[in-house]
């Protein structure tokens, strides 16, 4: 199979929010500490893999946020039911 020639370098996904969580993932770009440190030395293929990993991390975060929102909604609804018992 032929390798595709890259006309442009893959740019860093950095958005200028350079703070990390306890595990070392950046809140802005979702890269790990190692991914951020090695970015300039990575090949385009390695960079594409990091971008793929970032997309998966975004999906997991969105699913987690959705579950938390649903849980909060359920808890709020349950609290209303409980309050009806005391009125």
C-alpha atoms as a PDB file:
ATOM      1  CA  UNK A   1       0.000   0.000   0.000  1.00  0.00           C
ATOM      2  CA  UNK A   2       1.202   3.511  -0.753  1.00  0.00           C
ATOM      3  CA  UNK A   3       1.904   6.049   1.965  1.00  0.00           C
ATOM      4  CA  UNK A   4       0.050   9.285   1.568  1.00  0.00           C
ATOM      5  CA  UNK A   5       2.288  12.302   1.236  1.00  0.00           C
ATOM      6  CA  UNK A   6       1.530  14.935   3.845  1.00  0.00           C
ATOM      7  CA  UNK A   7       1.456  18.409   2.344  1.00  0.00           C
ATOM      8  CA  UNK A   8       1.004  20.116   5.677  1.00  0.00           C
ATOM      9  CA  UNK A   9       2.283  19.307   9.120  1.00  0.00           C
ATOM     10  CA  UNK A  10      -0.361  18.196  11.603  1.00  0.00           C
ATOM     11  CA  UNK A  11      -0.784  21.071  14.020  1.00  0.00           C
ATOM     12  CA  UNK A  12      -0.850  20.745  17.769  1.00  0.00           C
ATOM     13  CA  UNK A  13      -4.340  20.411  19.274  1.00  0.00           C
ATOM     14  CA  UNK A  14      -3.337  22.839  22.035  1.00  0.00           C
ATOM     15  CA  UNK A  15      -6.035  25.430  22.776  1.00  0.00           C
ATOM     16  CA  UNK A  16      -4.022  27.443  25.291  1.00  0.00           C
ATOM     17  CA  UNK A  17      -5.626  25.970  28.428  1.00  0.00           C
ATOM     18  CA  UNK A  18      -2.503  24.385  29.831  1.00  0.00           C
ATOM     19  CA  UNK A  19      -3.639  22.828  33.095  1.00  0.00           C
ATOM     20  CA  UNK A  20      -3.524  19.146  33.897  1.00  0.00           C
ATOM     21  CA  UNK A  21      -5.685  16.892  36.006  1.00  0.00           C
ATOM     22  CA  UNK A  22      -4.267  14.466  38.595  1.00  0.00           C
ATOM     23  CA  UNK A  23      -3.550  11.876  35.911  1.00  0.00           C
ATOM     24  CA  UNK A  24      -1.597  14.361  33.785  1.00  0.00           C
ATOM     25  CA  UNK A  25      -4.178  14.922  31.041  1.00  0.00           C
ATOM     26  CA  UNK A  26      -4.523  18.503  29.856  1.00  0.00           C
ATOM     27  CA  UNK A  27      -7.967  20.053  30.419  1.00  0.00           C
ATOM     28  CA  UNK A  28      -7.680  21.968  27.133  1.00  0.00           C
ATOM     29  CA  UNK A  29      -6.389  19.495  24.560  1.00  0.00           C
ATOM     30  CA  UNK A  30      -6.865  16.190  26.450  1.00  0.00           C
ATOM     31  CA  UNK A  31      -3.333  15.027  25.703  1.00  0.00           C
ATOM     32  CA  UNK A  32      -1.299  13.144  28.284  1.00  0.00           C
ATOM     33  CA  UNK A  33       1.824  14.707  29.726  1.00  0.00           C
ATOM     34  CA  UNK A  34       3.980  12.451  27.536  1.00  0.00           C
ATOM     35  CA  UNK A  35       1.962  13.242  24.399  1.00  0.00           C
ATOM     36  CA  UNK A  36       2.445  16.962  25.007  1.00  0.00           C
ATOM     37  CA  UNK A  37       6.168  16.617  25.659  1.00  0.00           C
ATOM     38  CA  UNK A  38       6.852  14.455  22.606  1.00  0.00           C
ATOM     39  CA  UNK A  39       4.541  16.215  20.119  1.00  0.00           C
ATOM     40  CA  UNK A  40       7.277  18.107  18.250  1.00  0.00           C
ATOM     41  CA  UNK A  41       9.313  14.912  17.777  1.00  0.00           C
ATOM     42  CA  UNK A  42       6.379  12.750  16.645  1.00  0.00           C
ATOM     43  CA  UNK A  43       5.845  11.628  13.080  1.00  0.00           C
ATOM     44  CA  UNK A  44       2.573  12.571  11.386  1.00  0.00           C
ATOM     45  CA  UNK A  45       1.388   8.988  11.858  1.00  0.00           C
ATOM     46  CA  UNK A  46       2.038   9.222  15.613  1.00  0.00           C
ATOM     47  CA  UNK A  47       0.277  12.582  15.737  1.00  0.00           C
ATOM     48  CA  UNK A  48      -2.772  11.118  13.966  1.00  0.00           C
ATOM     49  CA  UNK A  49      -2.850   8.359  16.584  1.00  0.00           C
ATOM     50  CA  UNK A  50      -2.787  10.958  19.379  1.00  0.00           C
ATOM     51  CA  UNK A  51      -5.647  12.826  17.679  1.00  0.00           C
ATOM     52  CA  UNK A  52      -7.591   9.554  17.505  1.00  0.00           C
ATOM     53  CA  UNK A  53      -6.989   8.984  21.220  1.00  0.00           C
ATOM     54  CA  UNK A  54      -8.136  12.540  21.984  1.00  0.00           C
ATOM     55  CA  UNK A  55     -11.393  11.931  20.077  1.00  0.00           C
ATOM     56  CA  UNK A  56     -12.034   8.831  22.180  1.00  0.00           C
ATOM     57  CA  UNK A  57     -11.326  10.754  25.379  1.00  0.00           C
ATOM     58  CA  UNK A  58     -13.789  13.463  24.333  1.00  0.00           C
ATOM     59  CA  UNK A  59     -16.466  10.835  23.715  1.00  0.00           C
ATOM     60  CA  UNK A  60     -15.887   9.244  27.126  1.00  0.00           C
ATOM     61  CA  UNK A  61     -16.068  12.645  28.836  1.00  0.00           C
ATOM     62  CA  UNK A  62     -19.336  13.472  27.057  1.00  0.00           C
ATOM     63  CA  UNK A  63     -20.847  10.102  28.044  1.00  0.00           C
ATOM     64  CA  UNK A  64     -19.761  10.655  31.639  1.00  0.00           C
ATOM     65  CA  UNK A  65     -21.259  14.168  31.687  1.00  0.00           C
ATOM     66  CA  UNK A  66     -24.505  12.847  30.222  1.00  0.00           C
ATOM     67  CA  UNK A  67     -24.726  10.112  32.872  1.00  0.00           C
ATOM     68  CA  UNK A  68     -24.020  12.644  35.622  1.00  0.00           C
ATOM     69  CA  UNK A  69     -26.707  14.970  34.274  1.00  0.00           C
ATOM     70  CA  UNK A  70     -29.190  12.102  34.108  1.00  0.00           C
ATOM     71  CA  UNK A  71     -28.277  11.086  37.656  1.00  0.00           C
ATOM     72  CA  UNK A  72     -28.754  14.642  38.927  1.00  0.00           C
ATOM     73  CA  UNK A  73     -32.125  14.811  37.196  1.00  0.00           C
ATOM     74  CA  UNK A  74     -33.189  11.544  38.806  1.00  0.00           C
ATOM     75  CA  UNK A  75     -31.990  12.693  42.221  1.00  0.00           C
ATOM     76  CA  UNK A  76     -33.862  15.979  41.849  1.00  0.00           C
ATOM     77  CA  UNK A  77     -37.042  14.184  40.811  1.00  0.00           C
ATOM     78  CA  UNK A  78     -36.707  11.811  43.760  1.00  0.00           C
ATOM     79  CA  UNK A  79     -36.266  14.739  46.135  1.00  0.00           C
ATOM     80  CA  UNK A  80     -39.521  16.277  44.880  1.00  0.00           C
ATOM     81  CA  UNK A  81     -41.305  12.983  45.528  1.00  0.00           C
ATOM     82  CA  UNK A  82     -39.922  12.867  49.060  1.00  0.00           C
ATOM     83  CA  UNK A  83     -40.921  16.481  49.719  1.00  0.00           C
ATOM     84  CA  UNK A  84     -44.516  15.655  48.662  1.00  0.00           C
ATOM     85  CA  UNK A  85     -44.672  13.178  51.557  1.00  0.00           C
ATOM     86  CA  UNK A  86     -44.158  15.994  54.063  1.00  0.00           C
ATOM     87  CA  UNK A  87     -46.700  18.441  52.704  1.00  0.00           C
END
